[in-house]
Every structure is written in structure tokens, then in C-alpha cells.
Amino acid sequence: MIRKYLFITFLILIIGNTSFSQELTKFKKKSYFTEAYRLIDLGNYAEATKYLIPLFKSDKTNSNTAYLLGLCYFKKNRYPMAVKLFKIAVQHVSKEYKSHRFNETRAPIIALNYLAKSYHRNYQFENAKKYYTRYMNIADTSQRQFIEQDIA
């Protein structure tokens, strides 16, 4: 009788854990996002990826998460992975991007610049030029002078 009870309890725990562990709650997503941003601000990109990967897996269309994760890979010199993420991020860029906001789903326009730099460092110069040009068309005058050095 006790064995049967333990077996049923064990099954409930196993089944319950597997069905709930796949989905992040909104609270957990927000705490992951906050911690990831804190780590990015500290320059700890390797640790930040540990929080951003589950967020990205839960919503692969979120340009902000793709941008932040791409930034971490870029800073770790993992340019092929950065390209993949920045390509997602630049689908929804905005000058009105709100940094450090959990509900922000757009990416900042600087994501175009990071995509161009990632292509550049992967020796894909035509793609780099394409995104440098796209960034130059959107960026403010003060931001353009730094890009002109990269293109030259």
C-alpha cells in the first residue's frame, strides 16, 4: 500500500515538473530580464547569456531579447552567433527604443550597427556595407561620424 502511494506521488511529481518547467512565468521572465541587464551593465556578458537564452527560447520574435543576446555574443567575439541574433533584432528597430524596460519588444537602431560590425568581423563585407548604410540612413548626425570610420 505504501509502495503504491509512493509510486503515484513520484509519478505526479515527475509529470508535474516536466509540464511546468518548460514555461517561464511572467515574473520569472521579468526577473531574468532584470538580472541579464544588470550583468550587461557590469560587462559580464557570459553570465548575462545564461538569463537571456531562456528568454529568447520562450519568444524568438522579441527583437529586444535578440538584440541583448546578440550583444553578449558580439562582446564575447562570437560573431556568427551575433549575426543570427542581430538579424532577428533588426526586423523591429526603433528610435523610440526604451532601454532596461522588460515590456520593450523592439531593438534600438544601434542593432543595425552591431549587425554590420558582426558581418565585418566575419569578413562578409558586402553584408556589412549594406547594414552600415542602413544604419547611416537612420542614425543621428552625432552617431554617423563613428560609422564613417568603419566604412572607410
N, C-alpha and C. Protein backbone atom coordinates (compact mmCIF):
# COMPACT_ATOMS: atom_id res chain seq x y z
N MET A 1 0.82 -1.19 0.00
CA MET A 1 0.00 0.00 0.00
C MET A 1 0.86 1.26 0.00
N ILE A 2 1.87 1.29 0.86
CA ILE A 2 2.75 2.45 0.93
C ILE A 2 3.55 2.59 -0.36
N ARG A 3 3.97 1.46 -0.92
CA ARG A 3 4.72 1.49 -2.16
C ARG A 3 3.88 2.08 -3.29
N LYS A 4 2.62 1.70 -3.32
CA LYS A 4 1.71 2.21 -4.35
C LYS A 4 1.56 3.73 -4.19
N TYR A 5 1.39 4.18 -2.96
CA TYR A 5 1.24 5.61 -2.67
C TYR A 5 2.51 6.37 -3.08
N LEU A 6 3.67 5.86 -2.74
CA LEU A 6 4.93 6.50 -3.11
C LEU A 6 5.12 6.54 -4.62
N PHE A 7 4.75 5.45 -5.29
CA PHE A 7 4.87 5.40 -6.74
C PHE A 7 3.98 6.45 -7.40
N ILE A 8 2.74 6.57 -6.95
CA ILE A 8 1.81 7.56 -7.51
C ILE A 8 2.32 8.97 -7.24
N THR A 9 2.79 9.23 -6.03
CA THR A 9 3.34 10.55 -5.68
C THR A 9 4.54 10.86 -6.58
N PHE A 10 5.40 9.87 -6.78
CA PHE A 10 6.57 10.05 -7.62
C PHE A 10 6.15 10.40 -9.06
N LEU A 11 5.17 9.71 -9.60
CA LEU A 11 4.69 10.00 -10.95
C LEU A 11 4.11 11.40 -11.07
N ILE A 12 3.34 11.80 -10.08
CA ILE A 12 2.76 13.15 -10.09
C ILE A 12 3.85 14.20 -10.09
N LEU A 13 4.86 14.01 -9.27
CA LEU A 13 5.97 14.97 -9.21
C LEU A 13 6.72 15.04 -10.53
N ILE A 14 6.99 13.90 -11.12
CA ILE A 14 7.73 13.87 -12.38
C ILE A 14 6.92 14.51 -13.50
N ILE A 15 5.67 14.13 -13.64
CA ILE A 15 4.81 14.68 -14.69
C ILE A 15 4.59 16.18 -14.46
N GLY A 16 4.35 16.56 -13.24
CA GLY A 16 4.15 17.97 -12.91
C GLY A 16 5.36 18.82 -13.21
N ASN A 17 6.54 18.34 -12.87
CA ASN A 17 7.76 19.09 -13.12
C ASN A 17 8.04 19.26 -14.60
N THR A 18 7.83 18.23 -15.39
CA THR A 18 8.14 18.35 -16.81
C THR A 18 7.17 19.28 -17.52
N SER A 19 5.92 19.33 -17.11
CA SER A 19 4.98 20.20 -17.80
C SER A 19 5.15 21.66 -17.40
N PHE A 20 5.56 21.94 -16.19
CA PHE A 20 5.70 23.32 -15.75
C PHE A 20 7.09 23.89 -15.98
N SER A 21 8.10 23.05 -16.08
CA SER A 21 9.46 23.55 -16.21
C SER A 21 9.73 24.13 -17.59
N GLN A 22 8.92 23.79 -18.58
CA GLN A 22 9.14 24.26 -19.93
C GLN A 22 8.73 25.71 -20.13
N GLU A 23 7.86 26.22 -19.30
CA GLU A 23 7.31 27.54 -19.49
C GLU A 23 7.76 28.48 -18.38
N LEU A 24 8.29 29.63 -18.77
CA LEU A 24 8.69 30.63 -17.79
C LEU A 24 7.48 31.49 -17.44
N THR A 25 7.29 31.75 -16.18
CA THR A 25 6.22 32.65 -15.77
C THR A 25 6.62 34.08 -16.09
N LYS A 26 5.64 34.97 -16.14
CA LYS A 26 5.94 36.38 -16.43
C LYS A 26 6.87 36.95 -15.37
N PHE A 27 6.65 36.57 -14.11
CA PHE A 27 7.51 37.04 -13.02
C PHE A 27 8.95 36.57 -13.23
N LYS A 28 9.11 35.30 -13.61
CA LYS A 28 10.45 34.76 -13.82
C LYS A 28 11.11 35.42 -15.03
N LYS A 29 10.34 35.66 -16.08
CA LYS A 29 10.88 36.34 -17.26
C LYS A 29 11.38 37.72 -16.89
N LYS A 30 10.57 38.43 -16.11
CA LYS A 30 10.96 39.79 -15.71
C LYS A 30 12.21 39.77 -14.84
N SER A 31 12.30 38.81 -13.92
CA SER A 31 13.49 38.74 -13.06
C SER A 31 14.72 38.33 -13.88
N TYR A 32 14.56 37.43 -14.86
CA TYR A 32 15.68 37.06 -15.74
C TYR A 32 16.14 38.28 -16.54
N PHE A 33 15.17 39.03 -17.07
CA PHE A 33 15.49 40.21 -17.87
C PHE A 33 16.26 41.24 -17.03
N THR A 34 15.77 41.49 -15.83
CA THR A 34 16.40 42.47 -14.95
C THR A 34 17.82 42.04 -14.60
N GLU A 35 17.99 40.78 -14.28
CA GLU A 35 19.33 40.28 -13.93
C GLU A 35 20.25 40.31 -15.14
N ALA A 36 19.76 39.96 -16.31
CA ALA A 36 20.57 40.00 -17.52
C ALA A 36 21.05 41.42 -17.79
N TYR A 37 20.15 42.39 -17.68
CA TYR A 37 20.53 43.78 -17.92
C TYR A 37 21.56 44.26 -16.90
N ARG A 38 21.39 43.84 -15.65
CA ARG A 38 22.34 44.22 -14.61
C ARG A 38 23.73 43.68 -14.96
N LEU A 39 23.78 42.44 -15.40
CA LEU A 39 25.05 41.81 -15.76
C LEU A 39 25.67 42.46 -17.00
N ILE A 40 24.84 42.82 -17.97
CA ILE A 40 25.34 43.52 -19.16
C ILE A 40 25.94 44.86 -18.75
N ASP A 41 25.23 45.58 -17.90
CA ASP A 41 25.74 46.88 -17.43
C ASP A 41 27.08 46.74 -16.71
N LEU A 42 27.30 45.59 -16.08
CA LEU A 42 28.57 45.32 -15.39
C LEU A 42 29.64 44.76 -16.34
N GLY A 43 29.26 44.48 -17.58
CA GLY A 43 30.19 43.92 -18.55
C GLY A 43 30.37 42.42 -18.41
N ASN A 44 29.47 41.77 -17.70
CA ASN A 44 29.56 40.32 -17.50
C ASN A 44 28.64 39.63 -18.52
N TYR A 45 29.09 39.61 -19.76
CA TYR A 45 28.28 39.12 -20.86
C TYR A 45 28.06 37.61 -20.81
N ALA A 46 29.06 36.87 -20.34
CA ALA A 46 28.92 35.41 -20.27
C ALA A 46 27.80 35.02 -19.31
N GLU A 47 27.75 35.67 -18.16
CA GLU A 47 26.69 35.37 -17.18
C GLU A 47 25.33 35.85 -17.69
N ALA A 48 25.31 36.98 -18.37
CA ALA A 48 24.04 37.52 -18.88
C ALA A 48 23.39 36.56 -19.87
N THR A 49 24.22 35.86 -20.66
CA THR A 49 23.64 34.92 -21.64
C THR A 49 22.85 33.81 -20.95
N LYS A 50 23.24 33.44 -19.75
CA LYS A 50 22.54 32.38 -19.02
C LYS A 50 21.09 32.77 -18.72
N TYR A 51 20.84 34.06 -18.60
CA TYR A 51 19.48 34.55 -18.35
C TYR A 51 18.75 34.89 -19.65
N LEU A 52 19.50 35.30 -20.66
CA LEU A 52 18.87 35.70 -21.92
C LEU A 52 18.47 34.52 -22.79
N ILE A 53 19.22 33.44 -22.74
CA ILE A 53 18.89 32.27 -23.58
C ILE A 53 17.50 31.74 -23.29
N PRO A 54 17.11 31.51 -22.02
CA PRO A 54 15.74 31.04 -21.78
C PRO A 54 14.68 32.06 -22.23
N LEU A 55 14.98 33.34 -22.08
CA LEU A 55 14.04 34.37 -22.53
C LEU A 55 13.87 34.32 -24.04
N PHE A 56 14.98 34.19 -24.74
CA PHE A 56 14.92 34.12 -26.20
C PHE A 56 14.19 32.86 -26.67
N LYS A 57 14.45 31.75 -26.00
CA LYS A 57 13.77 30.50 -26.37
C LYS A 57 12.26 30.58 -26.15
N SER A 58 11.84 31.37 -25.17
CA SER A 58 10.41 31.49 -24.90
C SER A 58 9.71 32.42 -25.89
N ASP A 59 10.47 33.31 -26.56
CA ASP A 59 9.89 34.20 -27.58
C ASP A 59 10.98 34.60 -28.56
N LYS A 60 11.09 33.84 -29.63
CA LYS A 60 12.16 34.08 -30.61
C LYS A 60 11.87 35.24 -31.55
N THR A 61 10.74 35.90 -31.37
CA THR A 61 10.43 37.06 -32.20
C THR A 61 10.67 38.39 -31.47
N ASN A 62 11.06 38.33 -30.21
CA ASN A 62 11.30 39.55 -29.42
C ASN A 62 12.63 40.16 -29.85
N SER A 63 12.56 41.29 -30.55
CA SER A 63 13.75 41.94 -31.07
C SER A 63 14.67 42.43 -29.96
N ASN A 64 14.10 42.86 -28.85
CA ASN A 64 14.91 43.35 -27.74
C ASN A 64 15.76 42.23 -27.14
N THR A 65 15.16 41.08 -26.90
CA THR A 65 15.90 39.95 -26.35
C THR A 65 16.96 39.48 -27.35
N ALA A 66 16.61 39.43 -28.62
CA ALA A 66 17.57 39.03 -29.65
C ALA A 66 18.74 40.01 -29.69
N TYR A 67 18.44 41.30 -29.57
CA TYR A 67 19.50 42.33 -29.55
C TYR A 67 20.43 42.13 -28.36
N LEU A 68 19.85 41.98 -27.18
CA LEU A 68 20.67 41.85 -25.97
C LEU A 68 21.53 40.58 -26.00
N LEU A 69 20.95 39.49 -26.45
CA LEU A 69 21.71 38.25 -26.55
C LEU A 69 22.79 38.37 -27.64
N GLY A 70 22.43 39.00 -28.75
CA GLY A 70 23.41 39.25 -29.82
C GLY A 70 24.56 40.11 -29.32
N LEU A 71 24.24 41.11 -28.53
CA LEU A 71 25.26 41.99 -27.95
C LEU A 71 26.23 41.19 -27.08
N CYS A 72 25.69 40.29 -26.29
CA CYS A 72 26.54 39.45 -25.43
C CYS A 72 27.48 38.59 -26.28
N TYR A 73 26.96 37.97 -27.33
CA TYR A 73 27.81 37.15 -28.19
C TYR A 73 28.83 38.02 -28.93
N PHE A 74 28.44 39.20 -29.35
CA PHE A 74 29.36 40.12 -30.01
C PHE A 74 30.52 40.47 -29.07
N LYS A 75 30.19 40.80 -27.84
CA LYS A 75 31.22 41.18 -26.86
C LYS A 75 32.13 40.00 -26.51
N LYS A 76 31.64 38.78 -26.72
CA LYS A 76 32.45 37.58 -26.47
C LYS A 76 33.15 37.10 -27.75
N ASN A 77 33.12 37.96 -28.79
CA ASN A 77 33.77 37.66 -30.08
C ASN A 77 33.20 36.43 -30.78
N ARG A 78 31.94 36.16 -30.55
CA ARG A 78 31.26 35.04 -31.22
C ARG A 78 30.36 35.63 -32.32
N TYR A 79 31.02 36.11 -33.36
CA TYR A 79 30.34 36.88 -34.39
C TYR A 79 29.32 36.11 -35.22
N PRO A 80 29.54 34.85 -35.58
CA PRO A 80 28.49 34.15 -36.34
C PRO A 80 27.17 34.07 -35.57
N MET A 81 27.26 33.79 -34.27
CA MET A 81 26.04 33.73 -33.46
C MET A 81 25.43 35.13 -33.31
N ALA A 82 26.28 36.13 -33.18
CA ALA A 82 25.79 37.51 -33.08
C ALA A 82 25.03 37.90 -34.34
N VAL A 83 25.53 37.52 -35.50
CA VAL A 83 24.85 37.82 -36.76
C VAL A 83 23.44 37.25 -36.76
N LYS A 84 23.31 35.99 -36.38
CA LYS A 84 21.98 35.34 -36.37
C LYS A 84 21.00 36.11 -35.49
N LEU A 85 21.46 36.53 -34.34
CA LEU A 85 20.57 37.23 -33.40
C LEU A 85 20.29 38.66 -33.83
N PHE A 86 21.30 39.36 -34.31
CA PHE A 86 21.08 40.73 -34.76
C PHE A 86 20.17 40.77 -36.00
N LYS A 87 20.22 39.73 -36.84
CA LYS A 87 19.31 39.69 -37.99
C LYS A 87 17.85 39.64 -37.53
N ILE A 88 17.60 38.96 -36.43
CA ILE A 88 16.25 38.95 -35.85
C ILE A 88 15.93 40.31 -35.25
N ALA A 89 16.89 40.85 -34.53
CA ALA A 89 16.69 42.13 -33.82
C ALA A 89 16.36 43.27 -34.78
N VAL A 90 17.05 43.34 -35.91
CA VAL A 90 16.88 44.50 -36.81
C VAL A 90 15.55 44.47 -37.58
N GLN A 91 14.78 43.42 -37.42
CA GLN A 91 13.47 43.39 -38.06
C GLN A 91 12.51 44.40 -37.43
N HIS A 92 12.78 44.78 -36.17
CA HIS A 92 11.93 45.75 -35.48
C HIS A 92 12.79 46.70 -34.67
N VAL A 93 13.41 47.66 -35.36
CA VAL A 93 14.21 48.67 -34.67
C VAL A 93 13.40 49.95 -34.53
N SER A 94 13.76 50.74 -33.52
CA SER A 94 13.02 51.98 -33.28
C SER A 94 13.92 53.02 -32.62
N LYS A 95 13.76 54.26 -33.06
CA LYS A 95 14.45 55.37 -32.39
C LYS A 95 13.84 55.62 -31.02
N GLU A 96 12.63 55.15 -30.81
CA GLU A 96 11.95 55.33 -29.52
C GLU A 96 12.19 54.16 -28.57
N TYR A 97 13.20 53.37 -28.86
CA TYR A 97 13.55 52.22 -28.01
C TYR A 97 13.74 52.68 -26.57
N LYS A 98 13.19 51.89 -25.64
CA LYS A 98 13.30 52.19 -24.21
C LYS A 98 14.20 51.13 -23.55
N SER A 99 15.40 51.55 -23.22
CA SER A 99 16.38 50.66 -22.60
C SER A 99 15.94 50.24 -21.20
N HIS A 100 16.32 49.04 -20.82
CA HIS A 100 16.06 48.49 -19.47
C HIS A 100 14.58 48.26 -19.18
N ARG A 101 13.74 48.24 -20.19
CA ARG A 101 12.30 48.02 -19.99
C ARG A 101 11.93 46.61 -20.39
N PHE A 102 11.39 45.88 -19.46
CA PHE A 102 11.00 44.49 -19.69
C PHE A 102 9.98 44.36 -20.82
N ASN A 103 9.04 45.28 -20.91
CA ASN A 103 7.98 45.20 -21.92
C ASN A 103 8.40 45.68 -23.30
N GLU A 104 9.60 46.19 -23.44
CA GLU A 104 10.09 46.65 -24.74
C GLU A 104 10.37 45.44 -25.63
N THR A 105 9.76 45.42 -26.80
CA THR A 105 9.98 44.29 -27.71
C THR A 105 10.76 44.71 -28.96
N ARG A 106 10.98 46.01 -29.12
CA ARG A 106 11.76 46.50 -30.26
C ARG A 106 13.23 46.55 -29.89
N ALA A 107 14.07 46.70 -30.89
CA ALA A 107 15.51 46.84 -30.67
C ALA A 107 15.91 48.28 -30.96
N PRO A 108 17.00 48.74 -30.37
CA PRO A 108 17.48 50.10 -30.70
C PRO A 108 18.10 50.10 -32.09
N ILE A 109 18.17 51.27 -32.71
CA ILE A 109 18.73 51.32 -34.07
C ILE A 109 20.21 50.95 -34.09
N ILE A 110 20.88 51.04 -32.97
CA ILE A 110 22.28 50.65 -32.90
C ILE A 110 22.46 49.16 -33.23
N ALA A 111 21.38 48.38 -33.17
CA ALA A 111 21.44 46.97 -33.55
C ALA A 111 21.88 46.82 -35.01
N LEU A 112 21.50 47.77 -35.85
CA LEU A 112 21.94 47.76 -37.25
C LEU A 112 23.45 47.88 -37.33
N ASN A 113 24.00 48.75 -36.51
CA ASN A 113 25.45 48.96 -36.47
C ASN A 113 26.16 47.69 -35.98
N TYR A 114 25.62 47.08 -34.94
CA TYR A 114 26.23 45.85 -34.44
C TYR A 114 26.14 44.72 -35.45
N LEU A 115 25.04 44.65 -36.19
CA LEU A 115 24.93 43.63 -37.24
C LEU A 115 26.00 43.89 -38.31
N ALA A 116 26.16 45.13 -38.71
CA ALA A 116 27.19 45.48 -39.70
C ALA A 116 28.58 45.11 -39.19
N LYS A 117 28.87 45.45 -37.95
CA LYS A 117 30.19 45.12 -37.37
C LYS A 117 30.40 43.60 -37.29
N SER A 118 29.34 42.87 -36.95
CA SER A 118 29.45 41.41 -36.88
C SER A 118 29.75 40.82 -38.26
N TYR A 119 29.04 41.32 -39.27
CA TYR A 119 29.34 40.87 -40.64
C TYR A 119 30.79 41.24 -41.00
N HIS A 120 31.19 42.45 -40.68
CA HIS A 120 32.53 42.94 -40.99
C HIS A 120 33.58 42.01 -40.37
N ARG A 121 33.38 41.64 -39.12
CA ARG A 121 34.36 40.78 -38.43
C ARG A 121 34.28 39.33 -38.90
N ASN A 122 33.23 38.99 -39.62
CA ASN A 122 33.12 37.67 -40.26
C ASN A 122 33.59 37.71 -41.71
N TYR A 123 34.18 38.85 -42.11
CA TYR A 123 34.69 39.05 -43.47
C TYR A 123 33.60 38.99 -44.53
N GLN A 124 32.39 39.36 -44.15
CA GLN A 124 31.28 39.44 -45.09
C GLN A 124 31.03 40.93 -45.38
N PHE A 125 31.92 41.49 -46.16
CA PHE A 125 31.99 42.93 -46.32
C PHE A 125 30.80 43.54 -47.05
N GLU A 126 30.24 42.83 -48.02
CA GLU A 126 29.07 43.36 -48.72
C GLU A 126 27.87 43.47 -47.79
N ASN A 127 27.66 42.43 -46.97
CA ASN A 127 26.57 42.50 -45.99
C ASN A 127 26.84 43.59 -44.96
N ALA A 128 28.09 43.72 -44.56
CA ALA A 128 28.46 44.76 -43.59
C ALA A 128 28.13 46.14 -44.16
N LYS A 129 28.51 46.37 -45.40
CA LYS A 129 28.27 47.67 -46.03
C LYS A 129 26.77 47.96 -46.11
N LYS A 130 25.99 46.94 -46.44
CA LYS A 130 24.54 47.09 -46.54
C LYS A 130 23.95 47.60 -45.22
N TYR A 131 24.38 47.01 -44.11
CA TYR A 131 23.80 47.40 -42.81
C TYR A 131 24.43 48.67 -42.25
N TYR A 132 25.69 48.94 -42.61
CA TYR A 132 26.27 50.24 -42.24
C TYR A 132 25.47 51.35 -42.92
N THR A 133 25.17 51.14 -44.20
CA THR A 133 24.42 52.14 -44.97
C THR A 133 23.02 52.32 -44.39
N ARG A 134 22.37 51.22 -44.09
CA ARG A 134 21.02 51.30 -43.49
C ARG A 134 21.06 52.06 -42.17
N TYR A 135 22.08 51.79 -41.37
CA TYR A 135 22.21 52.49 -40.09
C TYR A 135 22.47 53.98 -40.32
N MET A 136 23.33 54.29 -41.28
CA MET A 136 23.65 55.70 -41.58
C MET A 136 22.41 56.48 -42.00
N ASN A 137 21.49 55.83 -42.69
CA ASN A 137 20.28 56.50 -43.14
C ASN A 137 19.31 56.80 -41.99
N ILE A 138 19.44 56.07 -40.91
CA ILE A 138 18.53 56.24 -39.78
C ILE A 138 19.18 57.01 -38.62
N ALA A 139 20.48 56.84 -38.44
CA ALA A 139 21.18 57.37 -37.27
C ALA A 139 21.21 58.90 -37.26
N ASP A 140 21.33 59.44 -36.06
CA ASP A 140 21.51 60.88 -35.90
C ASP A 140 22.90 61.28 -36.39
N THR A 141 23.07 62.55 -36.66
CA THR A 141 24.35 63.06 -37.17
C THR A 141 25.50 62.73 -36.23
N SER A 142 25.29 62.85 -34.94
CA SER A 142 26.37 62.58 -33.97
C SER A 142 26.81 61.12 -34.01
N GLN A 143 25.91 60.22 -34.36
CA GLN A 143 26.25 58.80 -34.42
C GLN A 143 26.95 58.43 -35.72
N ARG A 144 26.72 59.21 -36.75
CA ARG A 144 27.25 58.87 -38.08
C ARG A 144 28.76 58.97 -38.18
N GLN A 145 29.38 59.91 -37.48
CA GLN A 145 30.82 60.10 -37.63
C GLN A 145 31.63 58.86 -37.24
N PHE A 146 31.13 58.09 -36.27
CA PHE A 146 31.85 56.88 -35.86
C PHE A 146 31.72 55.79 -36.93
N ILE A 147 30.60 55.76 -37.60
CA ILE A 147 30.36 54.74 -38.61
C ILE A 147 31.18 55.01 -39.85
N GLU A 148 31.32 56.26 -40.21
CA GLU A 148 32.10 56.61 -41.40
C GLU A 148 33.53 56.10 -41.30
N GLN A 149 34.07 56.03 -40.09
CA GLN A 149 35.40 55.49 -39.87
C GLN A 149 35.42 53.99 -40.17
N ASP A 150 34.37 53.28 -39.79
CA ASP A 150 34.31 51.84 -40.01
C ASP A 150 34.16 51.50 -41.49
N ILE A 151 33.42 52.32 -42.21
CA ILE A 151 33.17 52.05 -43.63
C ILE A 151 34.41 52.34 -44.46
N ALA A 152 35.16 53.35 -44.10
CA ALA A 152 36.31 53.80 -44.89
C ALA A 152 37.42 52.78 -44.99
